Protein backbone atom coordinates (compact mmCIF):
# COMPACT_ATOMS: atom_id res chain seq x y z
CA MET A 1 114.79 98.15 74.40
CA ALA A 2 114.44 93.91 74.96
CA LYS A 3 112.33 91.70 76.97
CA LEU A 4 113.83 89.31 79.48
CA HIS A 5 112.09 86.33 81.39
CA VAL A 6 113.97 86.05 85.22
CA VAL A 7 113.10 82.62 86.54
CA GLY A 8 113.90 82.87 90.02
CA GLY A 9 113.05 86.10 92.79
CA GLY A 10 115.01 85.60 94.87
CA PRO A 11 118.56 88.24 95.56
CA ALA A 12 120.19 86.48 92.18
CA GLY A 13 116.98 87.32 90.08
CA SER A 14 116.26 90.19 91.60
CA ILE A 15 119.45 92.10 91.65
CA ALA A 16 119.62 90.37 87.63
CA ALA A 17 115.84 92.29 87.52
CA ILE A 18 116.91 95.95 88.76
CA SER A 19 120.44 95.88 86.79
CA ALA A 20 118.61 94.74 83.29
CA LEU A 21 115.56 97.48 84.05
CA ARG A 22 118.50 99.85 84.28
CA SER A 23 119.92 98.53 81.01
CA GLY A 24 116.60 99.20 79.62
CA HIS A 25 114.91 95.86 79.37
CA ASP A 26 111.74 94.99 80.23
CA VAL A 27 111.44 92.10 82.88
CA ILE A 28 109.11 89.37 84.09
CA ILE A 29 110.35 87.45 87.02
CA SER A 30 108.71 84.49 87.88
CA GLU A 31 108.89 83.03 91.25
CA GLU A 32 107.90 79.91 92.20
CA HIS A 33 106.70 80.22 95.96
CA ALA A 34 104.23 82.69 97.44
CA VAL A 35 106.31 85.01 98.44
CA SER A 36 109.87 86.17 98.09
CA GLY A 37 112.52 85.31 101.53
CA ARG A 38 110.19 81.72 102.27
CA PRO A 39 111.33 79.35 103.04
CA GLU A 40 114.27 81.07 104.57
CA ASN A 41 116.81 77.73 104.72
CA CYS A 42 120.25 79.67 104.06
CA SER A 43 122.32 81.53 106.94
CA GLY A 44 122.54 85.08 106.64
CA LEU A 45 126.28 86.08 107.50
CA PHE A 46 128.25 88.39 105.21
CA SER A 47 130.98 90.26 104.98
CA CYS A 48 131.11 94.44 105.64
CA GLU A 49 132.87 94.56 102.37
CA GLY A 50 130.35 92.33 100.12
CA LEU A 51 127.43 94.14 101.52
CA ARG A 52 128.36 97.61 100.60
CA SER A 53 129.19 95.76 97.44
CA LEU A 54 125.86 95.38 96.79
CA SER A 55 124.54 98.26 98.21
CA GLY A 56 123.02 99.79 94.79
CA PHE A 57 120.57 97.36 95.05
CA MET A 58 119.45 97.49 98.47
CA ASP A 59 120.22 98.92 102.29
CA PRO A 60 121.82 96.21 103.78
CA ARG A 61 121.79 98.51 107.21
CA ARG A 62 118.07 97.75 107.36
CA PHE A 63 118.87 93.70 108.29
CA ALA A 64 121.59 94.12 110.15
CA ILE A 65 120.89 92.00 113.35
CA ALA A 66 124.23 91.22 115.16
CA PRO A 67 127.94 92.81 114.35
CA MET A 68 130.78 89.93 114.20
CA ARG A 69 134.21 90.17 114.60
CA GLY A 70 135.56 87.39 114.23
CA ALA A 71 135.49 83.08 114.39
CA VAL A 72 136.54 80.56 116.36
CA ILE A 73 137.38 77.26 114.23
CA HIS A 74 137.94 74.19 115.51
CA MET A 75 139.84 71.70 114.30
CA PRO A 76 140.30 67.96 115.42
CA GLY A 77 142.85 68.53 118.42
CA HIS A 78 143.43 72.54 117.92
CA SER A 79 141.18 75.35 118.06
CA PHE A 80 142.28 78.89 116.82
CA THR A 81 141.07 82.29 116.88
CA VAL A 82 140.34 85.31 114.07
CA ARG A 83 139.81 88.15 115.60
CA ARG A 84 139.37 92.11 114.03
CA ARG A 85 138.77 94.79 116.66
CA ASP A 86 135.93 96.45 114.34
CA PRO A 87 133.07 93.68 112.78
CA VAL A 88 134.19 91.65 109.53
CA GLY A 89 130.56 91.02 108.88
CA PHE A 90 127.00 91.17 110.24
CA VAL A 91 124.47 88.81 110.49
CA CYS A 92 121.00 89.85 108.50
CA ASP A 93 117.26 88.99 108.70
CA ARG A 94 117.72 86.98 105.21
CA ALA A 95 113.86 87.14 104.31
CA ALA A 96 113.65 91.23 105.12
CA MET A 97 116.33 90.50 102.49
CA ASP A 98 115.24 88.70 100.04
CA ARG A 99 111.97 90.87 100.38
CA GLU A 100 113.38 94.31 100.05
CA LEU A 101 115.22 93.50 97.07
CA ALA A 102 112.30 91.92 95.42
CA GLN A 103 110.22 94.75 96.08
CA ASN A 104 112.92 97.41 94.77
CA ALA A 105 112.79 95.06 91.18
CA GLU A 106 109.12 96.06 91.40
CA ASP A 107 109.56 99.47 92.42
CA GLU A 108 111.73 99.71 89.59
CA GLY A 109 109.49 98.33 86.75
CA ALA A 110 110.04 94.48 87.19
CA ARG A 111 106.53 92.68 87.31
CA ILE A 112 106.73 89.60 89.53
CA ARG A 113 104.67 86.03 88.91
CA TYR A 114 104.34 84.50 92.22
CA SER A 115 103.62 81.11 92.60
CA GLU A 116 104.72 80.36 89.11
CA ARG A 117 106.92 77.46 88.80
CA VAL A 118 109.19 77.75 85.55
CA GLU A 119 110.41 75.00 83.69
CA GLY A 120 110.29 75.29 79.75
CA ALA A 121 107.82 77.84 79.00
CA PHE A 122 109.68 81.18 78.61
CA ASP A 123 108.00 84.83 77.79
CA SER A 124 110.38 85.70 76.30
CA SER A 125 114.17 84.18 73.78
CA ASN A 126 115.89 86.13 76.39
CA VAL A 127 116.69 84.30 79.65
CA ILE A 128 118.56 84.81 82.96
CA GLY A 129 117.94 81.58 85.20
CA ALA A 130 118.41 82.71 89.00
CA ASP A 131 116.33 79.14 90.35
CA GLY A 132 118.39 77.71 92.09
CA PRO A 133 121.45 74.96 92.15
CA LEU A 134 119.03 72.26 90.47
CA SER A 135 117.82 74.55 87.72
CA ALA A 136 115.31 73.93 85.30
CA VAL A 137 116.47 76.44 83.21
CA ALA A 138 119.73 74.71 83.11
CA ARG A 139 118.86 71.60 82.78
CA HIS A 140 116.29 72.51 79.84
CA PHE A 141 118.91 74.21 77.86
CA GLY A 142 121.30 71.94 78.70
CA PHE A 143 123.96 73.68 80.64
CA PRO A 144 126.75 71.80 82.35
CA ARG A 145 125.93 69.99 85.93
CA ILE A 146 127.54 71.06 88.69
CA GLU A 147 129.89 68.76 89.91
CA LYS A 148 129.83 68.96 93.70
CA PHE A 149 126.82 70.03 96.09
CA ALA A 150 126.53 70.37 99.92
CA SER A 151 123.31 69.05 102.13
CA THR A 152 122.64 71.25 104.81
CA LEU A 153 120.82 71.93 107.95
CA ARG A 154 120.47 74.46 110.26
CA ALA A 155 117.30 76.73 113.01
CA LEU A 156 117.61 79.11 114.97
CA VAL A 157 117.58 78.11 118.94
CA PRO A 158 117.90 79.10 122.26
CA TYR A 159 121.35 79.14 123.03
CA ARG A 160 123.83 81.23 125.37
CA SER A 161 126.82 82.31 123.40
CA GLU A 162 129.77 83.88 125.40
CA GLU A 163 131.02 85.67 123.01
CA PRO A 164 127.88 86.91 120.89
CA ASP A 165 130.10 88.51 118.33
CA MET A 166 132.26 85.23 117.25
CA VAL A 167 131.42 82.40 115.07
CA GLU A 168 132.11 78.95 115.77
CA VAL A 169 133.28 76.69 112.96
CA PHE A 170 133.49 72.92 113.59
CA VAL A 171 135.53 70.97 110.91
CA SER A 172 135.80 67.72 111.61
CA ASN A 173 135.58 64.69 108.27
CA SER A 174 134.76 62.07 110.89
CA MET A 175 131.15 64.37 112.40
CA PHE A 176 131.09 66.63 109.10
CA PRO A 177 132.46 64.92 106.10
CA GLY A 178 132.89 67.06 103.60
CA PHE A 179 131.72 70.95 105.00
CA PHE A 180 131.39 71.75 108.87
CA GLY A 181 129.39 72.95 111.40
CA TRP A 182 128.12 76.13 112.95
CA VAL A 183 127.49 78.27 115.33
CA ILE A 184 126.17 81.61 114.37
CA PRO A 185 125.08 83.79 117.52
CA HIS A 186 122.16 86.41 116.52
CA ASP A 187 122.61 87.43 120.30
CA GLU A 188 123.26 86.67 123.59
CA GLN A 189 120.65 84.09 124.43
CA THR A 190 119.77 82.58 120.31
CA ALA A 191 122.14 81.19 117.62
CA GLU A 192 121.72 79.90 114.34
CA LEU A 193 123.56 76.05 114.49
CA GLY A 194 124.08 74.33 111.14
CA VAL A 195 125.83 71.85 109.57
CA GLY A 196 126.63 70.51 106.23
CA VAL A 197 128.40 67.13 103.98
CA GLU A 198 129.59 66.89 101.18
CA MET A 199 126.61 64.95 99.70
CA PRO A 200 125.76 62.26 99.12
CA GLY A 201 126.69 62.22 103.07
CA ASP A 202 124.19 62.15 105.54
CA VAL A 203 123.57 65.20 107.14
CA GLN A 204 120.78 63.92 109.45
CA ASN A 205 123.57 62.30 111.10
CA ALA A 206 125.60 65.31 111.39
CA TRP A 207 122.53 67.29 112.92
CA LYS A 208 122.94 65.13 115.32
CA VAL A 209 126.36 64.85 116.41
CA LEU A 210 125.98 68.71 116.50
CA LEU A 211 123.25 68.54 118.89
CA ARG A 212 125.09 66.36 121.20
CA MET A 213 128.11 68.05 121.24
CA LYS A 214 125.80 71.25 122.01
CA LYS A 215 124.06 69.95 124.23
CA LEU A 216 121.06 70.59 123.07
CA ASP A 217 117.24 68.88 122.34
CA ALA A 218 117.39 66.37 119.92
CA GLU A 219 113.42 67.62 118.93
CA VAL A 220 115.32 70.55 117.07
CA LYS A 221 114.00 70.61 113.68
CA PRO A 222 115.94 72.38 111.35
CA GLY A 223 115.67 73.53 107.82
CA GLY A 224 117.60 72.00 104.98
CA ALA A 225 118.96 73.09 101.84
CA VAL A 226 121.72 72.05 98.58
CA ILE A 227 124.70 74.31 98.48
CA PRO A 228 126.84 74.36 94.99
CA LEU A 229 130.13 73.66 95.63
CA ARG A 230 131.94 73.98 92.22
CA THR A 231 130.87 76.91 89.27
CA ARG A 232 129.19 75.45 85.99
CA GLY A 233 131.45 75.44 83.54
CA LYS A 234 129.18 77.44 81.40
CA THR A 235 127.15 79.98 82.07
CA GLY A 236 125.77 81.54 79.05
CA MET A 237 125.11 80.51 75.69
CA ARG A 238 123.52 81.35 72.38
CA ARG A 239 121.59 79.04 70.90
CA ARG A 240 119.36 79.90 67.49
CA LYS A 241 116.90 82.89 69.02
CA TRP A 242 117.89 82.38 72.11
CA ASN A 243 119.98 84.19 74.56
CA VAL A 244 120.13 82.49 78.20
CA LEU A 245 122.52 83.21 81.45
CA LEU A 246 122.74 81.82 84.51
CA ALA A 247 123.30 83.50 87.95
CA GLY A 248 123.37 82.74 91.56
CA ASP A 249 123.29 78.68 92.94
CA ALA A 250 121.92 78.45 89.62
CA ALA A 251 125.37 78.97 88.60
CA GLY A 252 127.30 77.62 91.22
CA GLN A 253 128.56 81.03 92.02
CA VAL A 254 128.91 80.32 95.67
CA LYS A 255 131.78 80.01 98.00
CA ALA A 256 132.67 76.52 98.59
CA THR A 257 134.07 76.84 102.00
CA THR A 258 131.47 78.18 103.06
CA GLY A 259 128.33 78.05 100.95
CA GLY A 260 128.13 81.59 101.17
CA GLY A 261 126.59 82.64 97.45
CA VAL A 262 124.61 86.09 97.94
CA ILE A 263 127.50 88.19 97.56
CA PHE A 264 129.38 86.43 94.77
CA GLY A 265 125.52 85.55 92.96
CA GLY A 266 124.63 89.02 93.73
CA ASN A 267 127.48 90.39 91.78
CA CYS A 268 127.44 88.11 89.31
CA ALA A 269 123.73 88.27 88.61
CA ALA A 270 124.29 92.17 88.34
CA LEU A 271 126.39 92.08 85.52
CA ALA A 272 123.68 89.01 84.05
CA GLY A 273 120.88 91.43 83.63
CA LYS A 274 123.57 94.50 82.20
CA HIS A 275 124.87 91.94 79.69
CA ALA A 276 120.95 89.67 79.62
CA THR A 277 121.32 89.82 75.95
CA ASP A 278 125.10 89.34 74.90
CA PRO A 279 125.63 85.87 77.12
CA PHE A 280 129.78 85.52 75.67
CA ARG A 281 130.40 89.02 77.44
CA TYR A 282 128.51 88.21 80.52
CA GLU A 283 130.64 84.90 80.73
CA LEU A 284 133.82 87.02 80.13
CA GLU A 285 133.06 89.21 82.91
CA TRP A 286 132.66 87.51 85.33
CA ARG A 287 135.03 85.07 85.28
CA ALA A 288 137.52 87.36 84.81
CA ARG A 289 136.20 89.80 87.91
CA PHE A 290 135.12 86.37 90.50
CA TRP A 291 136.09 83.55 89.10
CA PRO A 292 139.75 83.44 90.44
CA ASP A 293 138.88 83.88 93.98
CA LEU A 294 135.32 81.11 93.57
CA ALA A 295 138.39 79.38 92.33
CA MET A 296 140.30 79.30 95.53
CA HIS A 297 137.50 79.03 97.55
CA GLY A 298 136.97 75.58 95.94
CA MET A 299 140.96 73.99 95.64
CA ILE A 300 140.68 75.19 99.57
CA HIS A 301 137.15 73.05 100.37
CA GLY A 302 138.94 70.65 98.32
CA PHE A 303 141.69 70.38 100.94
CA PHE A 304 140.24 69.81 103.95
CA ALA A 305 136.97 68.13 102.69
CA GLY A 306 139.56 65.00 101.19
CA ALA A 307 141.96 65.26 105.04
CA SER A 308 141.23 62.79 107.38
CA ASP A 309 140.87 63.94 110.88
CA GLU A 310 144.23 62.79 111.64
CA SER A 311 145.10 64.95 109.16
CA LEU A 312 143.78 68.18 109.99
CA SER A 313 145.00 67.54 113.62
CA SER A 314 148.65 67.31 112.54
CA LEU A 315 148.04 70.67 109.82
CA GLY A 316 146.32 72.45 113.65
CA ARG A 317 149.49 71.73 114.49
CA THR A 318 151.69 73.61 111.98
CA PHE A 319 149.33 76.20 112.12
CA LYS A 320 149.82 76.82 115.34
CA LYS A 321 152.90 76.88 114.67
CA LEU A 322 153.33 79.15 112.76
CA ASN A 323 150.83 81.59 114.29
CA ILE A 324 148.32 81.18 111.03
CA ASP A 325 145.30 82.93 113.29
CA VAL A 326 147.47 86.32 113.46
CA TYR A 327 147.99 86.12 110.00
CA LEU A 328 144.29 85.94 109.17
CA SER A 329 143.58 88.37 112.48
CA ASP A 330 145.42 90.65 110.61
CA HIS A 331 145.13 90.21 106.72
CA GLY A 332 142.25 87.67 106.09
CA HIS A 333 139.57 87.77 103.83
CA MET A 334 135.41 86.00 104.33
CA ASP A 335 135.21 86.69 100.22
CA ARG A 336 138.37 87.12 98.40
CA PRO A 337 140.99 84.72 99.62
CA THR A 338 142.96 85.63 96.44
CA ARG A 339 144.50 89.11 98.70
CA MET A 340 145.46 86.90 101.05
CA LEU A 341 148.25 85.71 98.78
CA ARG A 342 150.31 88.96 99.12
CA PRO A 343 154.06 89.38 99.97
CA GLN A 344 153.07 89.86 103.76
CA LEU A 345 152.20 85.87 104.14
CA LEU A 346 155.61 84.31 103.15
CA ALA A 347 157.31 87.18 105.77
CA HIS A 348 154.75 85.69 108.63
CA ILE A 349 155.11 82.35 107.47
CA PHE A 350 159.66 82.95 107.26
CA ARG A 351 159.59 84.73 110.79
CA ASN A 352 157.52 82.33 112.68
CA VAL A 353 159.72 79.56 111.31
CA ILE A 354 163.09 81.76 112.06
CA ASP A 355 161.62 81.75 115.28
């Protein structure tokens, strides 16, 4: 049995702790906030498959607020609807999810010390940094920096949704440079509105743009977050007596296309807990299993972030011609874009070009 210090009590930290406890380790968690799940500055939309992948650490059914069956994607001059008959994802209560994960870690034997910010004095030579994109653990041990970030704002507002099971996404680099705007319904009367811009862009201006677009009260006060858009070049190291691993946002294990980090970060955190004393095996295993999809999210983000609105409009016309929305409705995947690169895609494009 090894002693392990997990820095950060969010989803990645709690999952890493539970995994480590199940591997026979003794775990301490340091969480800088007074409670888990606060402040709540991240969206709670997750794919059904992603939630199932974490069901060994929590019961996702306890937090589901609303099913989502697809999205309406707005590009300059064009809109696309991607829809499934059955739900592809659920909006969840993120604060309740975070609290249950932390409670489950405690129930399995972890000791959580709240209101404790750790920047260098660790209780063990085995450390997992799950302390967010600006990780003090990563900085203390000299890990490579994350190269790109998005700044986001979001708020839950009164909003009448005509299709309460459909997300709206707004892609425009003149309005939301380097990222996008969104509306995620929670019910017919309430929705989460959010915007993101690639840093150092002006996220406050993007927020005003979305409010004007939706004719909403400019006095709405959003919460903000910083989201990594690239993975770190290294997420595990052994230095003298230290075994140090990074997981979740601290490692940049986030979908660059959407900013979602709980599913990939949680699955990688489970590996971090399992391999808490073997950073090299952790690095190899999570990259073998998840890096191809994370890299593809990064490539897609880079393509769209670098395009002018004129180019996005031209791309939209091409998508319309090729009926890409039909293909995505049949074969799209919220988390794993590599699964969409299959022979059916080439066949679909060929049929629509011929037509």
